[in-house]
Amino acid sequence: MPMPGGQMPMPVPAPMGPPPIIAKVQRIGKALKLLRDDAPRGYRITIETDSTVAGEIGQERSDSIQFISATTKYLEQLSSSAHPIRQLFRCSASFCSSP
């Protein structure tokens, strides 16, 4: 709504919060306080060293090799024992199909 004299009224600036840098510092301070306060935390964070992880990787690798070796032996035995069974099925199939 124009004021007398044809001038528009100046808009009232919205109330501003703290400058952005101060707001960031306040948030960081709150975060650090929360991290230092152990009361609400129901868990524990542990950081492992590379030597611990390397040992686990070595164990996993050893377990994998052992599993593959056992699976290979099993499949070889299955393959060699399956041959007589195949012969039996062929014989019975030919027996059933003959008139």
Protein backbone atom coordinates (compact mmCIF):
# COMPACT_ATOMS: atom_id res chain seq x y z
CA MET A 1 0.00 0.00 0.00
CA PRO A 2 1.61 3.28 -1.09
CA MET A 3 2.37 5.88 1.51
CA PRO A 4 1.43 9.50 1.06
CA GLY A 5 3.76 11.00 -1.45
CA GLY A 6 3.83 7.84 -3.65
CA GLN A 7 6.55 5.97 -1.78
CA MET A 8 6.33 2.30 -0.97
CA PRO A 9 6.95 1.34 2.66
CA MET A 10 10.27 -0.35 3.39
CA PRO A 11 9.89 -4.07 4.19
CA VAL A 12 10.80 -5.01 7.72
CA PRO A 13 13.79 -7.39 7.60
CA ALA A 14 13.23 -10.82 9.10
CA PRO A 15 15.05 -11.39 12.38
CA MET A 16 18.38 -13.00 11.61
CA GLY A 17 20.01 -15.75 13.63
CA PRO A 18 23.68 -15.83 14.40
CA PRO A 19 26.08 -15.56 11.46
CA PRO A 20 26.66 -18.89 9.68
CA ILE A 21 30.18 -19.39 11.08
CA ILE A 22 28.95 -18.97 14.65
CA ALA A 23 26.09 -21.43 14.02
CA LYS A 24 28.60 -23.98 12.69
CA VAL A 25 30.87 -23.55 15.71
CA GLN A 26 27.88 -24.01 18.02
CA ARG A 27 26.83 -27.21 16.22
CA ILE A 28 30.39 -28.57 16.40
CA GLY A 29 30.51 -27.75 20.12
CA LYS A 30 27.23 -29.58 20.71
CA ALA A 31 28.48 -32.59 18.71
CA LEU A 32 31.72 -32.76 20.71
CA LYS A 33 29.81 -32.51 23.99
CA LEU A 34 27.55 -35.36 22.86
CA LEU A 35 30.55 -37.52 21.89
CA ARG A 36 32.28 -36.88 25.21
CA ASP A 37 29.17 -37.68 27.26
CA ASP A 38 29.16 -41.49 27.67
CA ALA A 39 25.87 -41.70 29.57
CA PRO A 40 23.44 -41.99 26.61
CA ARG A 41 25.71 -44.24 24.61
CA GLY A 42 24.81 -47.94 24.83
CA TYR A 43 27.54 -49.21 22.53
CA ARG A 44 31.29 -49.19 22.29
CA ILE A 45 33.41 -48.41 19.25
CA THR A 46 36.61 -50.37 18.84
CA ILE A 47 39.24 -49.65 16.25
CA GLU A 48 41.26 -52.61 15.04
CA THR A 49 44.81 -52.38 13.85
CA ASP A 50 45.96 -53.67 10.50
CA SER A 51 47.67 -56.63 12.14
CA THR A 52 44.33 -57.91 13.50
CA VAL A 53 42.62 -57.51 10.14
CA ALA A 54 45.52 -59.18 8.31
CA GLY A 55 45.23 -62.22 10.59
CA GLU A 56 41.53 -62.51 9.87
CA ILE A 57 42.14 -62.24 6.12
CA GLY A 58 44.77 -65.00 6.33
CA GLN A 59 42.36 -67.23 8.24
CA GLU A 60 39.57 -66.60 5.73
CA ARG A 61 41.93 -67.44 2.87
CA SER A 62 43.00 -70.66 4.57
CA ASP A 63 39.38 -71.63 5.23
CA SER A 64 38.47 -70.92 1.61
CA ILE A 65 41.32 -73.07 0.28
CA GLN A 66 40.34 -75.91 2.62
CA PHE A 67 36.68 -75.68 1.50
CA ILE A 68 37.59 -75.69 -2.20
CA SER A 69 39.92 -78.68 -1.72
CA ALA A 70 37.25 -80.66 0.13
CA THR A 71 34.62 -79.77 -2.48
CA THR A 72 36.93 -80.80 -5.32
CA LYS A 73 37.64 -84.18 -3.68
CA TYR A 74 33.93 -84.74 -3.10
CA LEU A 75 33.06 -83.95 -6.72
CA GLU A 76 35.83 -86.25 -7.98
CA GLN A 77 34.49 -89.10 -5.85
CA LEU A 78 30.95 -88.36 -6.95
CA SER A 79 32.02 -88.36 -10.58
CA SER A 80 33.85 -91.69 -10.30
CA SER A 81 31.00 -93.35 -8.39
CA ALA A 82 28.39 -91.94 -10.77
CA HIS A 83 29.79 -93.84 -13.76
CA PRO A 84 28.55 -97.29 -12.62
CA ILE A 85 25.18 -95.77 -11.75
CA ARG A 86 24.91 -94.31 -15.26
CA GLN A 87 25.67 -97.72 -16.72
CA LEU A 88 22.93 -99.24 -14.58
CA PHE A 89 20.40 -96.64 -15.76
CA ARG A 90 21.38 -97.19 -19.40
CA CYS A 91 20.99 -100.94 -18.98
CA SER A 92 17.62 -100.62 -17.28
CA ALA A 93 16.46 -98.07 -19.88
CA SER A 94 17.38 -100.41 -22.70
CA PHE A 95 15.72 -103.28 -20.86
CA CYS A 96 12.48 -101.28 -20.42
CA SER A 97 12.44 -100.07 -24.02
CA SER A 98 13.00 -103.46 -25.64
CA PRO A 99 9.82 -105.31 -26.81
